[in-house]
């Protein structure tokens, strides 16, 4: 039983969720409704972290939920997620 394969949401993510340095600016930044963002999970901040299957996906900000979370609408997948601000990067058009 000791060599059982891990099956949780953070299984086999040693390199996927390596965190960059977390700054105050990242926690306090604001996004406009309708702006495009890329999902990139930051391992230094676990609150509001998306599942690893959404890493690299582009979506648009639908509305602000709570103090530091945003609802993201993915058009191709027809899904809406609530993700923390530290895990979002704005796309430069």
Protein backbone atom coordinates (compact mmCIF):
# COMPACT_ATOMS: atom_id res chain seq x y z
CA UNK A 1 0.00 0.00 0.00
CA UNK A 2 2.94 2.34 0.40
CA UNK A 3 3.51 2.73 -3.35
CA UNK A 4 0.00 3.81 -4.24
CA UNK A 5 -0.33 6.39 -7.02
CA UNK A 6 -1.42 9.86 -5.80
CA UNK A 7 -4.74 11.01 -7.26
CA UNK A 8 -5.45 14.40 -5.67
CA UNK A 9 -5.73 17.77 -7.42
CA UNK A 10 -2.10 18.62 -6.55
CA UNK A 11 -0.64 15.22 -7.57
CA UNK A 12 2.56 15.36 -9.67
CA UNK A 13 2.78 19.17 -9.57
CA UNK A 14 6.28 19.66 -8.20
CA UNK A 15 7.36 21.89 -11.11
CA UNK A 16 3.94 23.15 -12.21
CA UNK A 17 3.22 25.27 -9.15
CA UNK A 18 6.65 26.69 -8.39
CA UNK A 19 5.94 30.12 -7.02
CA UNK A 20 7.51 33.35 -8.04
CA UNK A 21 8.12 36.04 -5.47
CA UNK A 22 4.79 37.39 -4.22
CA UNK A 23 4.65 41.17 -3.95
CA UNK A 24 2.09 43.59 -2.55
CA UNK A 25 1.44 44.95 -6.05
CA UNK A 26 0.32 41.50 -7.21
CA UNK A 27 -2.15 41.22 -4.35
CA UNK A 28 -3.60 44.72 -4.79
CA UNK A 29 -3.80 45.04 -8.57
CA UNK A 30 -7.20 45.63 -10.17
CA UNK A 31 -8.55 44.27 -13.46
CA UNK A 32 -11.21 45.86 -15.62
CA UNK A 33 -14.35 43.95 -16.57
CA UNK A 34 -13.94 42.56 -20.07
CA UNK A 35 -10.14 42.49 -20.08
CA UNK A 36 -8.38 39.33 -21.25
CA UNK A 37 -6.25 37.40 -18.80
CA UNK A 38 -4.06 34.29 -18.78
CA UNK A 39 -4.32 31.81 -15.92
CA UNK A 40 -0.92 31.03 -14.36
CA UNK A 41 -1.07 29.51 -10.88
CA UNK A 42 1.40 30.91 -8.34
CA UNK A 43 2.47 28.34 -5.74
CA UNK A 44 3.35 30.96 -3.13
CA UNK A 45 -0.32 31.88 -2.67
CA UNK A 46 -2.71 28.95 -2.29
CA UNK A 47 -6.00 30.83 -1.86
CA UNK A 48 -8.10 30.98 -5.01
CA UNK A 49 -5.73 28.70 -6.91
CA UNK A 50 -7.21 27.22 -10.10
CA UNK A 51 -6.93 23.58 -11.08
CA UNK A 52 -3.84 22.77 -13.12
CA UNK A 53 -5.88 21.94 -16.24
CA UNK A 54 -6.61 25.67 -16.65
CA UNK A 55 -2.93 26.71 -16.73
CA UNK A 56 -2.24 28.75 -19.86
CA UNK A 57 -5.90 29.27 -20.78
CA UNK A 58 -7.08 32.70 -21.88
CA UNK A 59 -10.37 34.07 -20.61
CA UNK A 60 -12.13 37.35 -20.03
CA UNK A 61 -12.97 38.97 -16.70
CA UNK A 62 -16.72 38.86 -16.12
CA UNK A 63 -17.04 40.45 -12.68
CA UNK A 64 -15.29 40.96 -9.36
CA UNK A 65 -16.24 38.50 -6.61
CA UNK A 66 -15.19 39.34 -3.08
CA UNK A 67 -12.10 41.31 -2.18
CA UNK A 68 -9.41 39.66 -4.29
CA UNK A 69 -11.13 37.20 -6.65
CA UNK A 70 -12.47 37.51 -10.17
CA UNK A 71 -14.93 35.42 -12.16
CA UNK A 72 -13.29 34.38 -15.43
CA UNK A 73 -15.33 33.28 -18.45
CA UNK A 74 -13.63 30.80 -20.80
CA UNK A 75 -15.36 30.99 -24.16
CA UNK A 76 -14.05 27.76 -25.69
CA UNK A 77 -14.76 25.62 -22.65
CA UNK A 78 -18.04 27.29 -21.61
CA UNK A 79 -16.89 27.46 -17.99
CA UNK A 80 -16.74 30.14 -15.36
CA UNK A 81 -14.19 30.06 -12.56
CA UNK A 82 -13.53 32.18 -9.51
CA UNK A 83 -9.77 32.72 -9.37
CA UNK A 84 -7.59 34.78 -7.05
CA UNK A 85 -5.87 37.86 -8.45
CA UNK A 86 -2.35 36.46 -7.88
CA UNK A 87 -2.98 33.70 -10.42
CA UNK A 88 -3.98 36.00 -13.31
CA UNK A 89 -1.80 37.88 -15.80
CA UNK A 90 -3.28 40.50 -18.10
CA UNK A 91 -2.81 39.90 -21.84
CA UNK A 92 -1.20 42.76 -23.73
CA UNK A 93 -3.13 43.46 -26.93
